Amino acid sequence: MMTIRSLGVVLMAALCGGCGYALVGRGMTIDPTIKRIGVPTFTDATGHPGLDQRITQKVIEELLKRGRFNVVQESTGVDAVVRGELTSYSEVPVGFGLGAQTDVQAQASQYRITLRAKVRYSKVGEKEPIWENDAFNYSDTYDVSENTGSLVNSDEAVERLASQFARQLVADMLEAF
């Protein structure tokens, strides 16, 4: 009787091991035949100057950090293509402080910048994308510099936004969660 019970426990453990559970972040959606990825300049419907070039460059850099691909800024002669359209960019004040003047006047001390994009990662010649998101969204909060009165429009804030946006985008594209 004890042997049958022990056999049942071993059998259940073996069956549970193949039930499809895996550690988060270990799965990758990378087709081994993809060696060269094209990332043409993202189109920009936001009207924010230079944002399309910065985002495109940061996405290329993030893909290169993965070390698995040759990444170029064109769509010809590649195995897969990442196409993106920046659809909205907004700056909303979320933190307030008193101004330097003696009258009580609140001034924005922090802004939340949100960037939304449509992105499609597809293998050349395939109809269905490998990964697609029509509302990829990234937000971050930025402090306003007291010296200049604004950090939101500075190169530093946009550079940080572009880096973080690209890091999250590439992670979502390549990692199966």
C-alpha atoms as a PDB file:
ATOM      1  CA  MET A   1       0.000   0.000   0.000  1.00  0.00           C
ATOM      2  CA  MET A   2       2.854   2.385   0.839  1.00  0.00           C
ATOM      3  CA  THR A   3       4.535   1.650  -2.476  1.00  0.00           C
ATOM      4  CA  ILE A   4       1.427   2.532  -4.481  1.00  0.00           C
ATOM      5  CA  ARG A   5       1.036   5.805  -2.548  1.00  0.00           C
ATOM      6  CA  SER A   6       4.703   6.673  -3.127  1.00  0.00           C
ATOM      7  CA  LEU A   7       4.335   5.845  -6.809  1.00  0.00           C
ATOM      8  CA  GLY A   8       1.267   8.129  -6.968  1.00  0.00           C
ATOM      9  CA  VAL A   9       3.220  11.022  -5.423  1.00  0.00           C
ATOM     10  CA  VAL A  10       6.099  10.551  -7.865  1.00  0.00           C
ATOM     11  CA  LEU A  11       3.657  10.341 -10.784  1.00  0.00           C
ATOM     12  CA  MET A  12       1.874  13.556  -9.697  1.00  0.00           C
ATOM     13  CA  ALA A  13       5.201  15.376  -9.342  1.00  0.00           C
ATOM     14  CA  ALA A  14       6.204  14.292 -12.846  1.00  0.00           C
ATOM     15  CA  LEU A  15       2.901  15.427 -14.325  1.00  0.00           C
ATOM     16  CA  CYS A  16       3.052  18.823 -12.581  1.00  0.00           C
ATOM     17  CA  GLY A  17       6.556  19.403 -13.902  1.00  0.00           C
ATOM     18  CA  GLY A  18       5.227  19.479 -17.466  1.00  0.00           C
ATOM     19  CA  CYS A  19       2.201  21.694 -16.890  1.00  0.00           C
ATOM     20  CA  GLY A  20       3.630  24.741 -18.664  1.00  0.00           C
ATOM     21  CA  TYR A  21       4.786  26.833 -15.720  1.00  0.00           C
ATOM     22  CA  ALA A  22       8.090  28.635 -16.141  1.00  0.00           C
ATOM     23  CA  LEU A  23      10.023  31.378 -14.419  1.00  0.00           C
ATOM     24  CA  VAL A  24       8.977  34.865 -15.460  1.00  0.00           C
ATOM     25  CA  GLY A  25      11.404  36.550 -17.855  1.00  0.00           C
ATOM     26  CA  ARG A  26      13.028  33.351 -19.044  1.00  0.00           C
ATOM     27  CA  GLY A  27      10.999  32.902 -22.210  1.00  0.00           C
ATOM     28  CA  MET A  28      12.104  34.710 -25.330  1.00  0.00           C
ATOM     29  CA  THR A  29      10.118  35.317 -28.498  1.00  0.00           C
ATOM     30  CA  ILE A  30      13.203  35.355 -30.696  1.00  0.00           C
ATOM     31  CA  ASP A  31      13.112  33.443 -33.951  1.00  0.00           C
ATOM     32  CA  PRO A  32      16.603  31.911 -34.374  1.00  0.00           C
ATOM     33  CA  THR A  33      16.521  32.713 -38.110  1.00  0.00           C
ATOM     34  CA  ILE A  34      16.406  36.451 -37.354  1.00  0.00           C
ATOM     35  CA  LYS A  35      19.965  37.726 -37.543  1.00  0.00           C
ATOM     36  CA  ARG A  36      19.468  41.248 -38.925  1.00  0.00           C
ATOM     37  CA  ILE A  37      16.745  43.630 -37.744  1.00  0.00           C
ATOM     38  CA  GLY A  38      15.781  46.847 -39.478  1.00  0.00           C
ATOM     39  CA  VAL A  39      14.507  49.805 -37.468  1.00  0.00           C
ATOM     40  CA  PRO A  40      13.524  52.574 -39.873  1.00  0.00           C
ATOM     41  CA  THR A  41      12.937  55.995 -38.324  1.00  0.00           C
ATOM     42  CA  PHE A  42       9.710  56.013 -36.340  1.00  0.00           C
ATOM     43  CA  THR A  43       7.071  58.288 -37.814  1.00  0.00           C
ATOM     44  CA  ASP A  44       6.065  61.159 -35.557  1.00  0.00           C
ATOM     45  CA  ALA A  45       2.546  62.501 -35.162  1.00  0.00           C
ATOM     46  CA  THR A  46       3.408  64.301 -31.903  1.00  0.00           C
ATOM     47  CA  GLY A  47       5.026  67.402 -33.361  1.00  0.00           C
ATOM     48  CA  HIS A  48       7.800  67.221 -30.748  1.00  0.00           C
ATOM     49  CA  PRO A  49      11.013  68.143 -32.632  1.00  0.00           C
ATOM     50  CA  GLY A  50      13.620  65.401 -32.961  1.00  0.00           C
ATOM     51  CA  LEU A  51      11.698  62.876 -30.861  1.00  0.00           C
ATOM     52  CA  ASP A  52      11.410  60.386 -33.727  1.00  0.00           C
ATOM     53  CA  GLN A  53      15.194  60.279 -34.260  1.00  0.00           C
ATOM     54  CA  ARG A  54      15.936  59.928 -30.546  1.00  0.00           C
ATOM     55  CA  ILE A  55      13.427  57.131 -30.034  1.00  0.00           C
ATOM     56  CA  THR A  56      14.621  55.273 -33.137  1.00  0.00           C
ATOM     57  CA  GLN A  57      18.276  55.540 -32.076  1.00  0.00           C
ATOM     58  CA  LYS A  58      17.501  54.334 -28.541  1.00  0.00           C
ATOM     59  CA  VAL A  59      15.502  51.349 -29.845  1.00  0.00           C
ATOM     60  CA  ILE A  60      18.463  50.409 -32.059  1.00  0.00           C
ATOM     61  CA  GLU A  61      20.843  50.729 -29.094  1.00  0.00           C
ATOM     62  CA  GLU A  62      18.609  48.553 -26.907  1.00  0.00           C
ATOM     63  CA  LEU A  63      18.406  45.834 -29.567  1.00  0.00           C
ATOM     64  CA  LEU A  64      22.186  45.936 -29.991  1.00  0.00           C
ATOM     65  CA  LYS A  65      22.632  45.497 -26.223  1.00  0.00           C
ATOM     66  CA  ARG A  66      20.932  42.115 -26.555  1.00  0.00           C
ATOM     67  CA  GLY A  67      23.928  40.981 -28.605  1.00  0.00           C
ATOM     68  CA  ARG A  68      21.930  38.617 -30.788  1.00  0.00           C
ATOM     69  CA  PHE A  69      21.315  40.771 -33.819  1.00  0.00           C
ATOM     70  CA  ASN A  70      22.855  43.055 -36.348  1.00  0.00           C
ATOM     71  CA  VAL A  71      20.597  46.126 -36.247  1.00  0.00           C
ATOM     72  CA  VAL A  72      20.356  48.731 -38.995  1.00  0.00           C
ATOM     73  CA  GLN A  73      18.221  51.824 -39.596  1.00  0.00           C
ATOM     74  CA  GLU A  74      16.654  50.566 -42.820  1.00  0.00           C
ATOM     75  CA  SER A  75      14.011  48.086 -43.879  1.00  0.00           C
ATOM     76  CA  THR A  76      15.782  46.376 -46.795  1.00  0.00           C
ATOM     77  CA  GLY A  77      18.146  43.434 -46.576  1.00  0.00           C
ATOM     78  CA  VAL A  78      16.883  42.433 -43.124  1.00  0.00           C
ATOM     79  CA  ASP A  79      15.178  39.397 -41.605  1.00  0.00           C
ATOM     80  CA  ALA A  80      12.754  41.390 -39.426  1.00  0.00           C
ATOM     81  CA  VAL A  81      11.563  44.979 -39.108  1.00  0.00           C
ATOM     82  CA  VAL A  82      10.469  47.125 -36.186  1.00  0.00           C
ATOM     83  CA  ARG A  83       8.129  49.876 -37.386  1.00  0.00           C
ATOM     84  CA  GLY A  84       6.828  52.514 -35.056  1.00  0.00           C
ATOM     85  CA  GLU A  85       4.646  55.583 -35.020  1.00  0.00           C
ATOM     86  CA  LEU A  86       4.760  58.030 -32.127  1.00  0.00           C
ATOM     87  CA  THR A  87       1.087  58.881 -31.675  1.00  0.00           C
ATOM     88  CA  SER A  88       1.006  61.190 -28.653  1.00  0.00           C
ATOM     89  CA  TYR A  89       3.276  63.110 -26.307  1.00  0.00           C
ATOM     90  CA  SER A  90       1.955  64.938 -23.265  1.00  0.00           C
ATOM     91  CA  GLU A  91       3.382  66.896 -20.352  1.00  0.00           C
ATOM     92  CA  VAL A  92       1.106  67.228 -17.332  1.00  0.00           C
ATOM     93  CA  PRO A  93       2.056  68.981 -14.093  1.00  0.00           C
ATOM     94  CA  VAL A  94       1.751  66.580 -11.143  1.00  0.00           C
ATOM     95  CA  GLY A  95       3.694  68.335  -8.385  1.00  0.00           C
ATOM     96  CA  PHE A  96       3.395  71.910  -7.222  1.00  0.00           C
ATOM     97  CA  GLY A  97       5.369  74.224  -4.994  1.00  0.00           C
ATOM     98  CA  LEU A  98       5.292  77.873  -4.074  1.00  0.00           C
ATOM     99  CA  GLY A  99       7.001  80.302  -6.390  1.00  0.00           C
ATOM    100  CA  ALA A 100      10.018  82.351  -5.396  1.00  0.00           C
ATOM    101  CA  GLN A 101       7.830  85.437  -5.155  1.00  0.00           C
ATOM    102  CA  THR A 102       6.277  86.506  -1.866  1.00  0.00           C
ATOM    103  CA  ASP A 103       2.732  86.166  -3.143  1.00  0.00           C
ATOM    104  CA  VAL A 104       1.189  82.737  -2.826  1.00  0.00           C
ATOM    105  CA  GLN A 105       1.366  81.372  -6.332  1.00  0.00           C
ATOM    106  CA  ALA A 106       1.741  77.675  -7.017  1.00  0.00           C
ATOM    107  CA  GLN A 107       4.206  76.633  -9.711  1.00  0.00           C
ATOM    108  CA  ALA A 108       4.675  73.203 -11.218  1.00  0.00           C
ATOM    109  CA  SER A 109       7.610  71.405  -9.626  1.00  0.00           C
ATOM    110  CA  GLN A 110       7.116  68.055 -11.396  1.00  0.00           C
ATOM    111  CA  TYR A 111       5.689  66.942 -14.705  1.00  0.00           C
ATOM    112  CA  ARG A 112       4.542  63.548 -15.909  1.00  0.00           C
ATOM    113  CA  ILE A 113       5.562  63.013 -19.519  1.00  0.00           C
ATOM    114  CA  THR A 114       3.695  60.316 -21.390  1.00  0.00           C
ATOM    115  CA  LEU A 115       4.635  58.960 -24.798  1.00  0.00           C
ATOM    116  CA  ARG A 116       2.361  56.613 -26.717  1.00  0.00           C
ATOM    117  CA  ALA A 117       3.239  54.700 -29.880  1.00  0.00           C
ATOM    118  CA  LYS A 118       2.058  52.067 -32.319  1.00  0.00           C
ATOM    119  CA  VAL A 119       4.770  49.464 -32.801  1.00  0.00           C
ATOM    120  CA  ARG A 120       4.926  46.380 -35.008  1.00  0.00           C
ATOM    121  CA  TYR A 121       7.781  43.860 -34.963  1.00  0.00           C
ATOM    122  CA  SER A 122       7.486  41.438 -37.860  1.00  0.00           C
ATOM    123  CA  LYS A 123       9.504  38.966 -39.818  1.00  0.00           C
ATOM    124  CA  VAL A 124      10.002  39.963 -43.461  1.00  0.00           C
ATOM    125  CA  GLY A 125       7.568  38.085 -45.698  1.00  0.00           C
ATOM    126  CA  GLU A 126       5.228  37.083 -42.854  1.00  0.00           C
ATOM    127  CA  LYS A 127       1.692  38.434 -42.639  1.00  0.00           C
ATOM    128  CA  GLU A 128       1.282  38.117 -38.874  1.00  0.00           C
ATOM    129  CA  PRO A 129       3.600  40.152 -36.650  1.00  0.00           C
ATOM    130  CA  ILE A 130       5.863  38.572 -34.067  1.00  0.00           C
ATOM    131  CA  TRP A 131       4.746  41.295 -31.652  1.00  0.00           C
ATOM    132  CA  GLU A 132       2.434  44.275 -32.015  1.00  0.00           C
ATOM    133  CA  ASN A 133       1.027  46.965 -29.743  1.00  0.00           C
ATOM    134  CA  ASP A 134      -1.163  49.788 -31.039  1.00  0.00           C
ATOM    135  CA  ALA A 135      -1.058  51.657 -27.735  1.00  0.00           C
ATOM    136  CA  PHE A 136       2.406  51.147 -26.253  1.00  0.00           C
ATOM    137  CA  ASN A 137       2.597  53.671 -23.446  1.00  0.00           C
ATOM    138  CA  TYR A 138       5.485  54.924 -21.318  1.00  0.00           C
ATOM    139  CA  SER A 139       5.272  57.588 -18.589  1.00  0.00           C
ATOM    140  CA  ASP A 140       7.796  59.083 -16.218  1.00  0.00           C
ATOM    141  CA  THR A 141       7.920  61.964 -13.767  1.00  0.00           C
ATOM    142  CA  TYR A 142      10.467  64.766 -14.127  1.00  0.00           C
ATOM    143  CA  ASP A 143      11.444  67.484 -11.693  1.00  0.00           C
ATOM    144  CA  VAL A 144      11.455  71.069 -12.879  1.00  0.00           C
ATOM    145  CA  SER A 145      14.768  72.851 -12.499  1.00  0.00           C
ATOM    146  CA  GLU A 146      14.501  75.858 -10.190  1.00  0.00           C
ATOM    147  CA  ASN A 147      17.244  77.651 -12.156  1.00  0.00           C
ATOM    148  CA  THR A 148      15.662  77.492 -15.577  1.00  0.00           C
ATOM    149  CA  GLY A 149      12.011  77.139 -14.658  1.00  0.00           C
ATOM    150  CA  SER A 150      11.755  74.050 -16.861  1.00  0.00           C
ATOM    151  CA  LEU A 151      13.430  70.700 -17.205  1.00  0.00           C
ATOM    152  CA  VAL A 152      10.612  69.089 -19.119  1.00  0.00           C
ATOM    153  CA  ASN A 153      11.554  70.544 -22.510  1.00  0.00           C
ATOM    154  CA  SER A 154      15.275  70.088 -22.004  1.00  0.00           C
ATOM    155  CA  ASP A 155      17.380  67.605 -23.880  1.00  0.00           C
ATOM    156  CA  GLU A 156      18.106  65.777 -20.626  1.00  0.00           C
ATOM    157  CA  ALA A 157      14.452  64.972 -19.909  1.00  0.00           C
ATOM    158  CA  VAL A 158      13.712  63.899 -23.488  1.00  0.00           C
ATOM    159  CA  GLU A 159      16.899  61.805 -23.571  1.00  0.00           C
ATOM    160  CA  ARG A 160      15.874  60.026 -20.371  1.00  0.00           C
ATOM    161  CA  LEU A 161      12.358  59.492 -21.698  1.00  0.00           C
ATOM    162  CA  ALA A 162      13.706  58.062 -24.978  1.00  0.00           C
ATOM    163  CA  SER A 163      16.083  55.677 -23.160  1.00  0.00           C
ATOM    164  CA  GLN A 164      13.456  54.367 -20.764  1.00  0.00           C
ATOM    165  CA  PHE A 165      10.810  54.125 -23.491  1.00  0.00           C
ATOM    166  CA  ALA A 166      13.166  52.084 -25.709  1.00  0.00           C
ATOM    167  CA  ARG A 167      14.280  49.822 -22.858  1.00  0.00           C
ATOM    168  CA  GLN A 168      10.682  48.954 -21.980  1.00  0.00           C
ATOM    169  CA  LEU A 169       9.652  48.561 -25.629  1.00  0.00           C
ATOM    170  CA  VAL A 170      12.468  46.143 -26.484  1.00  0.00           C
ATOM    171  CA  ALA A 171      11.842  44.144 -23.311  1.00  0.00           C
ATOM    172  CA  ASP A 172       8.150  43.819 -24.182  1.00  0.00           C
ATOM    173  CA  MET A 173       8.957  42.878 -27.792  1.00  0.00           C
ATOM    174  CA  LEU A 174      11.506  40.192 -27.011  1.00  0.00           C
ATOM    175  CA  GLU A 175      10.564  38.727 -23.648  1.00  0.00           C
ATOM    176  CA  ALA A 176       7.590  36.432 -23.310  1.00  0.00           C
ATOM    177  CA  PHE A 177       5.727  37.201 -20.094  1.00  0.00           C
END
